[in-house]
């Protein structure tokens, strides 16, 4: 795998997302190696030959992670990317609903100590 230049990374991101994330713009000014490392991480996960998921599904999984982590910029960009790849509004809404359910389920799971105290 040939290491891309920061400029190549930014161009690839613009093609994929339609715009460049503000954090990537700033990182390219502060330390361009950060965005190269980000591209390598993407290549080794999302775009890997070992990835059994198609690009649209991988993007929907990434969207789910961004939603769960509260990364608004990634939510916006990956929603646009998923739509560009043919994801329907219903598919994106399904991702949102599943993440919402997972978040709510984690609250119940974490509440175990409180619930045990209510039994006493």
PDB file of N, CA and C in Angstrom:
ATOM      1  N   UNK A   1       0.844  -1.178   0.000  1.00  0.00           N
ATOM      2  CA  UNK A   1       0.000   0.000   0.000  1.00  0.00           C
ATOM      3  C   UNK A   1       0.891   1.244   0.000  1.00  0.00           C
ATOM      4  N   UNK A   2       0.658   2.095  -0.978  1.00  0.00           N
ATOM      5  CA  UNK A   2       1.424   3.329  -1.089  1.00  0.00           C
ATOM      6  C   UNK A   2       0.793   4.384  -0.182  1.00  0.00           C
ATOM      7  N   UNK A   3       1.624   5.088   0.563  1.00  0.00           N
ATOM      8  CA  UNK A   3       1.132   6.116   1.471  1.00  0.00           C
ATOM      9  C   UNK A   3       0.715   7.346   0.671  1.00  0.00           C
ATOM     10  N   UNK A   4      -0.536   7.797   0.852  1.00  0.00           N
ATOM     11  CA  UNK A   4      -0.992   8.980   0.118  1.00  0.00           C
ATOM     12  C   UNK A   4      -0.432  10.261   0.734  1.00  0.00           C
ATOM     13  N   UNK A   5      -0.402  11.292  -0.057  1.00  0.00           N
ATOM     14  CA  UNK A   5      -0.015  12.604   0.459  1.00  0.00           C
ATOM     15  C   UNK A   5      -1.232  13.223   1.148  1.00  0.00           C
ATOM     16  N   UNK A   6      -1.015  14.206   2.018  1.00  0.00           N
ATOM     17  CA  UNK A   6      -2.158  14.880   2.634  1.00  0.00           C
ATOM     18  C   UNK A   6      -3.126  15.455   1.595  1.00  0.00           C
ATOM     19  N   UNK A   7      -2.594  15.968   0.503  1.00  0.00           N
ATOM     20  CA  UNK A   7      -3.444  16.537  -0.549  1.00  0.00           C
ATOM     21  C   UNK A   7      -4.314  15.456  -1.190  1.00  0.00           C
ATOM     22  N   UNK A   8      -3.731  14.284  -1.415  1.00  0.00           N
ATOM     23  CA  UNK A   8      -4.505  13.173  -1.986  1.00  0.00           C
ATOM     24  C   UNK A   8      -5.617  12.743  -1.033  1.00  0.00           C
ATOM     25  N   UNK A   9      -5.296  12.697   0.251  1.00  0.00           N
ATOM     26  CA  UNK A   9      -6.301  12.321   1.252  1.00  0.00           C
ATOM     27  C   UNK A   9      -7.456  13.313   1.230  1.00  0.00           C
ATOM     28  N   UNK A  10      -7.133  14.596   1.226  1.00  0.00           N
ATOM     29  CA  UNK A  10      -8.185  15.614   1.235  1.00  0.00           C
ATOM     30  C   UNK A  10      -9.035  15.532  -0.027  1.00  0.00           C
ATOM     31  N   UNK A  11      -8.421  15.277  -1.165  1.00  0.00           N
ATOM     32  CA  UNK A  11      -9.184  15.132  -2.410  1.00  0.00           C
ATOM     33  C   UNK A  11     -10.093  13.910  -2.375  1.00  0.00           C
ATOM     34  N   UNK A  12      -9.587  12.795  -1.825  1.00  0.00           N
ATOM     35  CA  UNK A  12     -10.416  11.587  -1.706  1.00  0.00           C
ATOM     36  C   UNK A  12     -11.617  11.845  -0.793  1.00  0.00           C
ATOM     37  N   UNK A  13     -11.372  12.576   0.302  1.00  0.00           N
ATOM     38  CA  UNK A  13     -12.463  12.862   1.240  1.00  0.00           C
ATOM     39  C   UNK A  13     -13.501  13.785   0.604  1.00  0.00           C
ATOM     40  N   UNK A  14     -13.041  14.763  -0.150  1.00  0.00           N
ATOM     41  CA  UNK A  14     -13.972  15.656  -0.845  1.00  0.00           C
ATOM     42  C   UNK A  14     -14.833  14.867  -1.825  1.00  0.00           C
ATOM     43  N   UNK A  15     -14.217  13.928  -2.542  1.00  0.00           N
ATOM     44  CA  UNK A  15     -14.971  13.094  -3.484  1.00  0.00           C
ATOM     45  C   UNK A  15     -16.011  12.246  -2.763  1.00  0.00           C
ATOM     46  N   UNK A  16     -15.628  11.677  -1.640  1.00  0.00           N
ATOM     47  CA  UNK A  16     -16.529  10.771  -0.922  1.00  0.00           C
ATOM     48  C   UNK A  16     -17.657  11.510  -0.212  1.00  0.00           C
ATOM     49  N   UNK A  17     -17.312  12.610   0.459  1.00  0.00           N
ATOM     50  CA  UNK A  17     -18.281  13.293   1.306  1.00  0.00           C
ATOM     51  C   UNK A  17     -18.884  14.542   0.676  1.00  0.00           C
ATOM     52  N   UNK A  18     -18.298  15.022  -0.394  1.00  0.00           N
ATOM     53  CA  UNK A  18     -18.806  16.235  -1.017  1.00  0.00           C
ATOM     54  C   UNK A  18     -18.188  17.498  -0.443  1.00  0.00           C
ATOM     55  N   UNK A  19     -17.600  17.374   0.732  1.00  0.00           N
ATOM     56  CA  UNK A  19     -16.909  18.493   1.365  1.00  0.00           C
ATOM     57  C   UNK A  19     -15.867  17.917   2.313  1.00  0.00           C
ATOM     58  N   UNK A  20     -15.034  18.781   2.806  1.00  0.00           N
ATOM     59  CA  UNK A  20     -13.974  18.356   3.703  1.00  0.00           C
ATOM     60  C   UNK A  20     -14.385  18.665   5.136  1.00  0.00           C
ATOM     61  N   UNK A  21     -14.292  17.689   6.033  1.00  0.00           N
ATOM     62  CA  UNK A  21     -14.610  17.977   7.435  1.00  0.00           C
ATOM     63  C   UNK A  21     -13.701  19.086   7.971  1.00  0.00           C
ATOM     64  N   UNK A  22     -14.281  19.981   8.750  1.00  0.00           N
ATOM     65  CA  UNK A  22     -13.516  21.099   9.303  1.00  0.00           C
ATOM     66  C   UNK A  22     -12.330  20.592  10.120  1.00  0.00           C
ATOM     67  N   UNK A  23     -12.537  19.509  10.863  1.00  0.00           N
ATOM     68  CA  UNK A  23     -11.451  18.963  11.679  1.00  0.00           C
ATOM     69  C   UNK A  23     -10.278  18.503  10.810  1.00  0.00           C
ATOM     70  N   UNK A  24     -10.576  17.985   9.634  1.00  0.00           N
ATOM     71  CA  UNK A  24      -9.515  17.543   8.720  1.00  0.00           C
ATOM     72  C   UNK A  24      -8.775  18.751   8.156  1.00  0.00           C
ATOM     73  N   UNK A  25      -9.507  19.810   7.831  1.00  0.00           N
ATOM     74  CA  UNK A  25      -8.864  21.036   7.346  1.00  0.00           C
ATOM     75  C   UNK A  25      -7.871  21.559   8.377  1.00  0.00           C
ATOM     76  N   UNK A  26      -8.322  21.613   9.629  1.00  0.00           N
ATOM     77  CA  UNK A  26      -7.457  22.134  10.694  1.00  0.00           C
ATOM     78  C   UNK A  26      -6.277  21.197  10.923  1.00  0.00           C
ATOM     79  N   UNK A  27      -6.539  19.897  10.958  1.00  0.00           N
ATOM     80  CA  UNK A  27      -5.463  18.919  11.165  1.00  0.00           C
ATOM     81  C   UNK A  27      -4.415  19.019  10.067  1.00  0.00           C
ATOM     82  N   UNK A  28      -4.855  19.270   8.836  1.00  0.00           N
ATOM     83  CA  UNK A  28      -3.899  19.364   7.727  1.00  0.00           C
ATOM     84  C   UNK A  28      -2.955  20.548   7.902  1.00  0.00           C
ATOM     85  N   UNK A  29      -3.420  21.579   8.593  1.00  0.00           N
ATOM     86  CA  UNK A  29      -2.570  22.740   8.853  1.00  0.00           C
ATOM     87  C   UNK A  29      -1.653  22.506  10.054  1.00  0.00           C
ATOM     88  N   UNK A  30      -2.184  21.846  11.075  1.00  0.00           N
ATOM     89  CA  UNK A  30      -1.423  21.643  12.307  1.00  0.00           C
ATOM     90  C   UNK A  30      -0.410  20.510  12.167  1.00  0.00           C
ATOM     91  N   UNK A  31      -0.870  19.364  11.657  1.00  0.00           N
ATOM     92  CA  UNK A  31       0.002  18.195  11.488  1.00  0.00           C
ATOM     93  C   UNK A  31      -0.574  17.308  10.393  1.00  0.00           C
ATOM     94  N   UNK A  32      -0.134  17.500   9.154  1.00  0.00           N
ATOM     95  CA  UNK A  32      -0.681  16.744   8.024  1.00  0.00           C
ATOM     96  C   UNK A  32      -0.594  15.228   8.177  1.00  0.00           C
ATOM     97  N   UNK A  33       0.338  14.745   8.995  1.00  0.00           N
ATOM     98  CA  UNK A  33       0.449  13.291   9.168  1.00  0.00           C
ATOM     99  C   UNK A  33      -0.810  12.709   9.814  1.00  0.00           C
ATOM    100  N   UNK A  34      -1.540  13.519  10.576  1.00  0.00           N
ATOM    101  CA  UNK A  34      -2.776  13.036  11.200  1.00  0.00           C
ATOM    102  C   UNK A  34      -3.796  12.586  10.159  1.00  0.00           C
ATOM    103  N   UNK A  35      -3.926  13.348   9.081  1.00  0.00           N
ATOM    104  CA  UNK A  35      -4.931  12.965   8.084  1.00  0.00           C
ATOM    105  C   UNK A  35      -4.455  11.802   7.225  1.00  0.00           C
ATOM    106  N   UNK A  36      -3.142  11.680   7.057  1.00  0.00           N
ATOM    107  CA  UNK A  36      -2.611  10.513   6.344  1.00  0.00           C
ATOM    108  C   UNK A  36      -2.884   9.263   7.181  1.00  0.00           C
ATOM    109  N   UNK A  37      -2.647   9.351   8.495  1.00  0.00           N
ATOM    110  CA  UNK A  37      -2.927   8.223   9.390  1.00  0.00           C
ATOM    111  C   UNK A  37      -4.412   7.868   9.371  1.00  0.00           C
ATOM    112  N   UNK A  38      -5.263   8.871   9.301  1.00  0.00           N
ATOM    113  CA  UNK A  38      -6.713   8.643   9.225  1.00  0.00           C
ATOM    114  C   UNK A  38      -7.069   7.885   7.946  1.00  0.00           C
ATOM    115  N   UNK A  39      -6.445   8.260   6.850  1.00  0.00           N
ATOM    116  CA  UNK A  39      -6.702   7.582   5.573  1.00  0.00           C
ATOM    117  C   UNK A  39      -6.221   6.137   5.614  1.00  0.00           C
ATOM    118  N   UNK A  40      -5.082   5.911   6.241  1.00  0.00           N
ATOM    119  CA  UNK A  40      -4.566   4.544   6.352  1.00  0.00           C
ATOM    120  C   UNK A  40      -5.508   3.705   7.207  1.00  0.00           C
ATOM    121  N   UNK A  41      -6.010   4.277   8.296  1.00  0.00           N
ATOM    122  CA  UNK A  41      -6.978   3.572   9.139  1.00  0.00           C
ATOM    123  C   UNK A  41      -8.224   3.206   8.347  1.00  0.00           C
ATOM    124  N   UNK A  42      -8.695   4.131   7.520  1.00  0.00           N
ATOM    125  CA  UNK A  42      -9.864   3.860   6.677  1.00  0.00           C
ATOM    126  C   UNK A  42      -9.571   2.732   5.698  1.00  0.00           C
ATOM    127  N   UNK A  43      -8.396   2.774   5.105  1.00  0.00           N
ATOM    128  CA  UNK A  43      -8.013   1.744   4.130  1.00  0.00           C
ATOM    129  C   UNK A  43      -7.945   0.367   4.785  1.00  0.00           C
ATOM    130  N   UNK A  44      -7.482   0.310   6.023  1.00  0.00           N
ATOM    131  CA  UNK A  44      -7.335  -0.962   6.723  1.00  0.00           C
ATOM    132  C   UNK A  44      -8.642  -1.476   7.325  1.00  0.00           C
ATOM    133  N   UNK A  45      -9.666  -0.641   7.338  1.00  0.00           N
ATOM    134  CA  UNK A  45     -10.948  -1.077   7.909  1.00  0.00           C
ATOM    135  C   UNK A  45     -12.070  -0.988   6.879  1.00  0.00           C
ATOM    136  N   UNK A  46     -12.499   0.192   6.585  1.00  0.00           N
ATOM    137  CA  UNK A  46     -13.642   0.406   5.687  1.00  0.00           C
ATOM    138  C   UNK A  46     -13.379  -0.108   4.272  1.00  0.00           C
ATOM    139  N   UNK A  47     -12.168   0.077   3.783  1.00  0.00           N
ATOM    140  CA  UNK A  47     -11.860  -0.235   2.390  1.00  0.00           C
ATOM    141  C   UNK A  47     -10.976  -1.471   2.232  1.00  0.00           C
ATOM    142  N   UNK A  48     -10.828  -2.225   3.292  1.00  0.00           N
ATOM    143  CA  UNK A  48      -9.967  -3.402   3.263  1.00  0.00           C
ATOM    144  C   UNK A  48     -10.578  -4.511   2.416  1.00  0.00           C
ATOM    145  N   UNK A  49      -9.719  -5.274   1.769  1.00  0.00           N
ATOM    146  CA  UNK A  49     -10.189  -6.451   1.026  1.00  0.00           C
ATOM    147  C   UNK A  49     -10.806  -7.473   1.977  1.00  0.00           C
ATOM    148  N   UNK A  50     -10.426  -7.414   3.246  1.00  0.00           N
ATOM    149  CA  UNK A  50     -10.953  -8.335   4.255  1.00  0.00           C
ATOM    150  C   UNK A  50     -12.313  -7.892   4.793  1.00  0.00           C
ATOM    151  N   UNK A  51     -12.738  -6.693   4.451  1.00  0.00           N
ATOM    152  CA  UNK A  51     -14.039  -6.196   4.906  1.00  0.00           C
ATOM    153  C   UNK A  51     -15.130  -6.950   4.158  1.00  0.00           C
ATOM    154  N   UNK A  52     -15.906  -7.727   4.877  1.00  0.00           N
ATOM    155  CA  UNK A  52     -16.968  -8.530   4.261  1.00  0.00           C
ATOM    156  C   UNK A  52     -18.210  -7.708   3.939  1.00  0.00           C
ATOM    157  N   UNK A  53     -18.228  -6.451   4.365  1.00  0.00           N
ATOM    158  CA  UNK A  53     -19.388  -5.593   4.123  1.00  0.00           C
ATOM    159  C   UNK A  53     -19.187  -4.764   2.859  1.00  0.00           C
ATOM    160  N   UNK A  54     -20.275  -4.533   2.150  1.00  0.00           N
ATOM    161  CA  UNK A  54     -20.194  -3.664   0.977  1.00  0.00           C
ATOM    162  C   UNK A  54     -20.006  -2.217   1.444  1.00  0.00           C
ATOM    163  N   UNK A  55     -19.562  -1.322   0.558  1.00  0.00           N
ATOM    164  CA  UNK A  55     -19.283   0.059   0.961  1.00  0.00           C
ATOM    165  C   UNK A  55     -20.473   0.773   1.608  1.00  0.00           C
ATOM    166  N   UNK A  56     -21.675   0.572   1.085  1.00  0.00           N
ATOM    167  CA  UNK A  56     -22.838   1.245   1.671  1.00  0.00           C
ATOM    168  C   UNK A  56     -23.080   0.761   3.094  1.00  0.00           C
ATOM    169  N   UNK A  57     -23.021  -0.550   3.290  1.00  0.00           N
ATOM    170  CA  UNK A  57     -23.242  -1.101   4.625  1.00  0.00           C
ATOM    171  C   UNK A  57     -22.148  -0.639   5.583  1.00  0.00           C
ATOM    172  N   UNK A  58     -20.908  -0.618   5.117  1.00  0.00           N
ATOM    173  CA  UNK A  58     -19.806  -0.128   5.952  1.00  0.00           C
ATOM    174  C   UNK A  58     -20.047   1.316   6.366  1.00  0.00           C
ATOM    175  N   UNK A  59     -20.542   2.118   5.442  1.00  0.00           N
ATOM    176  CA  UNK A  59     -20.816   3.520   5.744  1.00  0.00           C
ATOM    177  C   UNK A  59     -21.961   3.639   6.739  1.00  0.00           C
ATOM    178  N   UNK A  60     -22.971   2.792   6.625  1.00  0.00           N
ATOM    179  CA  UNK A  60     -24.071   2.803   7.593  1.00  0.00           C
ATOM    180  C   UNK A  60     -23.588   2.379   8.980  1.00  0.00           C
ATOM    181  N   UNK A  61     -22.660   1.428   9.037  1.00  0.00           N
ATOM    182  CA  UNK A  61     -22.078   1.031  10.323  1.00  0.00           C
ATOM    183  C   UNK A  61     -21.281   2.194  10.908  1.00  0.00           C
ATOM    184  N   UNK A  62     -20.521   2.872  10.071  1.00  0.00           N
ATOM    185  CA  UNK A  62     -19.758   4.037  10.520  1.00  0.00           C
ATOM    186  C   UNK A  62     -20.709   5.119  11.019  1.00  0.00           C
ATOM    187  N   UNK A  63     -21.801   5.325  10.310  1.00  0.00           N
ATOM    188  CA  UNK A  63     -22.813   6.290  10.739  1.00  0.00           C
ATOM    189  C   UNK A  63     -23.346   5.916  12.119  1.00  0.00           C
ATOM    190  N   UNK A  64     -23.621   4.639  12.332  1.00  0.00           N
ATOM    191  CA  UNK A  64     -24.116   4.184  13.632  1.00  0.00           C
ATOM    192  C   UNK A  64     -23.108   4.495  14.735  1.00  0.00           C
ATOM    193  N   UNK A  65     -21.840   4.236  14.466  1.00  0.00           N
ATOM    194  CA  UNK A  65     -20.805   4.528  15.462  1.00  0.00           C
ATOM    195  C   UNK A  65     -20.721   6.027  15.733  1.00  0.00           C
ATOM    196  N   UNK A  66     -20.797   6.828  14.683  1.00  0.00           N
ATOM    197  CA  UNK A  66     -20.743   8.284  14.849  1.00  0.00           C
ATOM    198  C   UNK A  66     -21.925   8.779  15.676  1.00  0.00           C
ATOM    199  N   UNK A  67     -23.109   8.220  15.424  1.00  0.00           N
ATOM    200  CA  UNK A  67     -24.283   8.576  16.222  1.00  0.00           C
ATOM    201  C   UNK A  67     -24.068   8.207  17.685  1.00  0.00           C
ATOM    202  N   UNK A  68     -23.589   6.994  17.925  1.00  0.00           N
ATOM    203  CA  UNK A  68     -23.393   6.519  19.293  1.00  0.00           C
ATOM    204  C   UNK A  68     -22.338   7.338  20.033  1.00  0.00           C
ATOM    205  N   UNK A  69     -21.315   7.776  19.306  1.00  0.00           N
ATOM    206  CA  UNK A  69     -20.236   8.546  19.921  1.00  0.00           C
ATOM    207  C   UNK A  69     -20.538  10.042  19.989  1.00  0.00           C
ATOM    208  N   UNK A  70     -21.617  10.469  19.348  1.00  0.00           N
ATOM    209  CA  UNK A  70     -21.988  11.877  19.374  1.00  0.00           C
ATOM    210  C   UNK A  70     -21.133  12.760  18.485  1.00  0.00           C
ATOM    211  N   UNK A  71     -20.586  12.207  17.416  1.00  0.00           N
ATOM    212  CA  UNK A  71     -19.735  12.971  16.510  1.00  0.00           C
ATOM    213  C   UNK A  71     -20.598  13.546  15.386  1.00  0.00           C
ATOM    214  N   UNK A  72     -21.075  14.769  15.594  1.00  0.00           N
ATOM    215  CA  UNK A  72     -22.023  15.385  14.661  1.00  0.00           C
ATOM    216  C   UNK A  72     -21.454  15.556  13.259  1.00  0.00           C
ATOM    217  N   UNK A  73     -20.186  15.925  13.164  1.00  0.00           N
ATOM    218  CA  UNK A  73     -19.583  16.125  11.843  1.00  0.00           C
ATOM    219  C   UNK A  73     -19.553  14.807  11.068  1.00  0.00           C
ATOM    220  N   UNK A  74     -19.179  13.724  11.742  1.00  0.00           N
ATOM    221  CA  UNK A  74     -19.160  12.412  11.079  1.00  0.00           C
ATOM    222  C   UNK A  74     -20.573  11.942  10.752  1.00  0.00           C
ATOM    223  N   UNK A  75     -21.538  12.272  11.619  1.00  0.00           N
ATOM    224  CA  UNK A  75     -22.932  11.915  11.329  1.00  0.00           C
ATOM    225  C   UNK A  75     -23.367  12.586  10.034  1.00  0.00           C
ATOM    226  N   UNK A  76     -23.112  13.879   9.931  1.00  0.00           N
ATOM    227  CA  UNK A  76     -23.528  14.618   8.736  1.00  0.00           C
ATOM    228  C   UNK A  76     -22.847  14.083   7.478  1.00  0.00           C
ATOM    229  N   UNK A  77     -21.535  13.933   7.533  1.00  0.00           N
ATOM    230  CA  UNK A  77     -20.792  13.514   6.345  1.00  0.00           C
ATOM    231  C   UNK A  77     -21.112  12.082   5.933  1.00  0.00           C
ATOM    232  N   UNK A  78     -21.269  11.188   6.902  1.00  0.00           N
ATOM    233  CA  UNK A  78     -21.555   9.797   6.552  1.00  0.00           C
ATOM    234  C   UNK A  78     -22.997   9.600   6.129  1.00  0.00           C
ATOM    235  N   UNK A  79     -23.899  10.451   6.580  1.00  0.00           N
ATOM    236  CA  UNK A  79     -25.267  10.416   6.062  1.00  0.00           C
ATOM    237  C   UNK A  79     -25.256  10.801   4.586  1.00  0.00           C
ATOM    238  N   UNK A  80     -24.528  11.863   4.262  1.00  0.00           N
ATOM    239  CA  UNK A  80     -24.415  12.283   2.856  1.00  0.00           C
ATOM    240  C   UNK A  80     -23.757  11.196   2.015  1.00  0.00           C
ATOM    241  N   UNK A  81     -22.688  10.594   2.555  1.00  0.00           N
ATOM    242  CA  UNK A  81     -21.984   9.544   1.808  1.00  0.00           C
ATOM    243  C   UNK A  81     -22.889   8.340   1.590  1.00  0.00           C
ATOM    244  N   UNK A  82     -23.647   7.954   2.613  1.00  0.00           N
ATOM    245  CA  UNK A  82     -24.549   6.801   2.487  1.00  0.00           C
ATOM    246  C   UNK A  82     -25.617   7.071   1.435  1.00  0.00           C
ATOM    247  N   UNK A  83     -26.173   8.270   1.440  1.00  0.00           N
ATOM    248  CA  UNK A  83     -27.189   8.620   0.436  1.00  0.00           C
ATOM    249  C   UNK A  83     -26.578   8.596  -0.965  1.00  0.00           C
ATOM    250  N   UNK A  84     -25.345   9.088  -1.079  1.00  0.00           N
ATOM    251  CA  UNK A  84     -24.645   9.082  -2.370  1.00  0.00           C
ATOM    252  C   UNK A  84     -24.436   7.647  -2.860  1.00  0.00           C
ATOM    253  N   UNK A  85     -24.303   6.707  -1.919  1.00  0.00           N
ATOM    254  CA  UNK A  85     -24.106   5.293  -2.253  1.00  0.00           C
ATOM    255  C   UNK A  85     -25.420   4.551  -2.456  1.00  0.00           C
ATOM    256  N   UNK A  86     -26.532   5.281  -2.340  1.00  0.00           N
ATOM    257  CA  UNK A  86     -27.823   4.663  -2.607  1.00  0.00           C
ATOM    258  C   UNK A  86     -28.638   4.296  -1.386  1.00  0.00           C
ATOM    259  N   UNK A  87     -28.185   4.660  -0.198  1.00  0.00           N
ATOM    260  CA  UNK A  87     -28.973   4.368   1.003  1.00  0.00           C
ATOM    261  C   UNK A  87     -30.259   5.184   0.972  1.00  0.00           C
ATOM    262  N   UNK A  88     -31.336   4.534   1.308  1.00  0.00           N
ATOM    263  CA  UNK A  88     -32.630   5.216   1.333  1.00  0.00           C
ATOM    264  C   UNK A  88     -32.811   5.944   2.667  1.00  0.00           C
ATOM    265  N   UNK A  89     -33.758   6.862   2.684  1.00  0.00           N
ATOM    266  CA  UNK A  89     -34.099   7.532   3.939  1.00  0.00           C
ATOM    267  C   UNK A  89     -34.507   6.507   4.987  1.00  0.00           C
ATOM    268  N   UNK A  90     -35.231   5.470   4.564  1.00  0.00           N
ATOM    269  CA  UNK A  90     -35.691   4.437   5.492  1.00  0.00           C
ATOM    270  C   UNK A  90     -34.512   3.687   6.104  1.00  0.00           C
ATOM    271  N   UNK A  91     -33.484   3.408   5.298  1.00  0.00           N
ATOM    272  CA  UNK A  91     -32.301   2.720   5.834  1.00  0.00           C
ATOM    273  C   UNK A  91     -31.592   3.592   6.867  1.00  0.00           C
ATOM    274  N   UNK A  92     -31.461   4.868   6.573  1.00  0.00           N
ATOM    275  CA  UNK A  92     -30.788   5.778   7.502  1.00  0.00           C
ATOM    276  C   UNK A  92     -31.615   5.943   8.771  1.00  0.00           C
ATOM    277  N   UNK A  93     -32.927   6.062   8.628  1.00  0.00           N
ATOM    278  CA  UNK A  93     -33.787   6.149   9.814  1.00  0.00           C
ATOM    279  C   UNK A  93     -33.721   4.866  10.635  1.00  0.00           C
ATOM    280  N   UNK A  94     -33.588   3.728   9.985  1.00  0.00           N
ATOM    281  CA  UNK A  94     -33.440   2.458  10.706  1.00  0.00           C
ATOM    282  C   UNK A  94     -32.162   2.457  11.536  1.00  0.00           C
ATOM    283  N   UNK A  95     -31.074   2.967  10.964  1.00  0.00           N
ATOM    284  CA  UNK A  95     -29.820   3.068  11.713  1.00  0.00           C
ATOM    285  C   UNK A  95     -30.026   3.941  12.946  1.00  0.00           C
ATOM    286  N   UNK A  96     -30.679   5.076  12.774  1.00  0.00           N
ATOM    287  CA  UNK A  96     -30.924   5.984  13.900  1.00  0.00           C
ATOM    288  C   UNK A  96     -31.747   5.282  14.977  1.00  0.00           C
ATOM    289  N   UNK A  97     -32.784   4.572  14.570  1.00  0.00           N
ATOM    290  CA  UNK A  97     -33.635   3.875  15.543  1.00  0.00           C
ATOM    291  C   UNK A  97     -32.865   2.779  16.284  1.00  0.00           C
ATOM    292  N   UNK A  98     -32.042   2.040  15.560  1.00  0.00           N
ATOM    293  CA  UNK A  98     -31.266   0.965  16.192  1.00  0.00           C
ATOM    294  C   UNK A  98     -30.273   1.548  17.197  1.00  0.00           C
ATOM    295  N   UNK A  99     -29.592   2.630  16.825  1.00  0.00           N
ATOM    296  CA  UNK A  99     -28.639   3.263  17.739  1.00  0.00           C
ATOM    297  C   UNK A  99     -29.373   3.823  18.952  1.00  0.00           C
ATOM    298  N   UNK A 100     -30.528   4.426  18.730  1.00  0.00           N
ATOM    299  CA  UNK A 100     -31.325   4.938  19.854  1.00  0.00           C
ATOM    300  C   UNK A 100     -31.674   3.802  20.805  1.00  0.00           C
ATOM    301  N   UNK A 101     -32.095   2.654  20.246  1.00  0.00           N
ATOM    302  CA  UNK A 101     -32.444   1.499  21.072  1.00  0.00           C
ATOM    303  C   UNK A 101     -31.219   0.997  21.842  1.00  0.00           C
ATOM    304  N   UNK A 102     -30.075   0.923  21.170  1.00  0.00           N
ATOM    305  CA  UNK A 102     -28.848   0.464  21.837  1.00  0.00           C
ATOM    306  C   UNK A 102     -28.476   1.397  22.988  1.00  0.00           C
ATOM    307  N   UNK A 103     -28.605   2.702  22.757  1.00  0.00           N
ATOM    308  CA  UNK A 103     -28.291   3.670  23.810  1.00  0.00           C
ATOM    309  C   UNK A 103     -29.239   3.510  24.991  1.00  0.00           C
ATOM    310  N   UNK A 104     -30.524   3.346  24.704  1.00  0.00           N
ATOM    311  CA  UNK A 104     -31.506   3.166  25.777  1.00  0.00           C
ATOM    312  C   UNK A 104     -31.258   1.858  26.517  1.00  0.00           C
ATOM    313  N   UNK A 105     -30.895   0.820  25.795  1.00  0.00           N
ATOM    314  CA  UNK A 105     -30.619  -0.478  26.418  1.00  0.00           C
ATOM    315  C   UNK A 105     -29.415  -0.397  27.340  1.00  0.00           C
ATOM    316  N   UNK A 106     -28.430   0.397  26.963  1.00  0.00           N
ATOM    317  CA  UNK A 106     -27.248   0.517  27.815  1.00  0.00           C
ATOM    318  C   UNK A 106     -27.594   1.205  29.128  1.00  0.00           C
ATOM    319  N   UNK A 107     -28.552   2.121  29.100  1.00  0.00           N
ATOM    320  CA  UNK A 107     -28.985   2.781  30.334  1.00  0.00           C
ATOM    321  C   UNK A 107     -29.588   1.754  31.281  1.00  0.00           C
ATOM    322  N   UNK A 108     -30.442   0.896  30.776  1.00  0.00           N
ATOM    323  CA  UNK A 108     -31.056  -0.138  31.607  1.00  0.00           C
ATOM    324  C   UNK A 108     -29.973  -1.079  32.147  1.00  0.00           C
ATOM    325  N   UNK A 109     -29.019  -1.431  31.299  1.00  0.00           N
ATOM    326  CA  UNK A 109     -27.933  -2.304  31.734  1.00  0.00           C
ATOM    327  C   UNK A 109     -27.087  -1.683  32.827  1.00  0.00           C
ATOM    328  N   UNK A 110     -26.782  -0.416  32.703  1.00  0.00           N
ATOM    329  CA  UNK A 110     -25.970   0.289  33.691  1.00  0.00           C
ATOM    330  C   UNK A 110     -26.761   0.527  34.979  1.00  0.00           C
ATOM    331  N   UNK A 111     -28.071   0.520  34.882  1.00  0.00           N
ATOM    332  CA  UNK A 111     -28.924   0.776  36.045  1.00  0.00           C
ATOM    333  C   UNK A 111     -29.026  -0.421  36.986  1.00  0.00           C
ATOM    334  N   UNK A 112     -28.299  -1.481  36.712  1.00  0.00           N
ATOM    335  CA  UNK A 112     -28.405  -2.699  37.528  1.00  0.00           C
ATOM    336  C   UNK A 112     -28.238  -2.409  39.017  1.00  0.00           C
ATOM    337  N   UNK A 113     -27.230  -1.620  39.381  1.00  0.00           N
ATOM    338  CA  UNK A 113     -26.997  -1.321  40.798  1.00  0.00           C
ATOM    339  C   UNK A 113     -28.187  -0.590  41.408  1.00  0.00           C
ATOM    340  N   UNK A 114     -28.733   0.360  40.673  1.00  0.00           N
ATOM    341  CA  UNK A 114     -29.902   1.088  41.178  1.00  0.00           C
ATOM    342  C   UNK A 114     -31.099   0.160  41.314  1.00  0.00           C
ATOM    343  N   UNK A 115     -31.300  -0.694  40.327  1.00  0.00           N
ATOM    344  CA  UNK A 115     -32.438  -1.617  40.366  1.00  0.00           C
ATOM    345  C   UNK A 115     -32.302  -2.613  41.517  1.00  0.00           C
ATOM    346  N   UNK A 116     -31.091  -3.088  41.787  1.00  0.00           N
ATOM    347  CA  UNK A 116     -30.868  -4.001  42.915  1.00  0.00           C
ATOM    348  C   UNK A 116     -31.212  -3.320  44.234  1.00  0.00           C
ATOM    349  N   UNK A 117     -30.840  -2.044  44.342  1.00  0.00           N
ATOM    350  CA  UNK A 117     -31.164  -1.298  45.560  1.00  0.00           C
ATOM    351  C   UNK A 117     -32.665  -1.150  45.747  1.00  0.00           C
ATOM    352  N   UNK A 118     -33.395  -1.101  44.658  1.00  0.00           N
ATOM    353  CA  UNK A 118     -34.851  -0.996  44.754  1.00  0.00           C
ATOM    354  C   UNK A 118     -35.476  -2.298  45.243  1.00  0.00           C
ATOM    355  N   UNK A 119     -34.778  -3.410  45.069  1.00  0.00           N
ATOM    356  CA  UNK A 119     -35.281  -4.707  45.524  1.00  0.00           C
ATOM    357  C   UNK A 119     -35.167  -4.857  47.040  1.00  0.00           C
ATOM    358  N   UNK A 120     -34.289  -4.097  47.653  1.00  0.00           N
ATOM    359  CA  UNK A 120     -34.043  -4.240  49.100  1.00  0.00           C
ATOM    360  C   UNK A 120     -35.114  -3.599  49.930  1.00  0.00           C
TER     361      UNK A 120
END
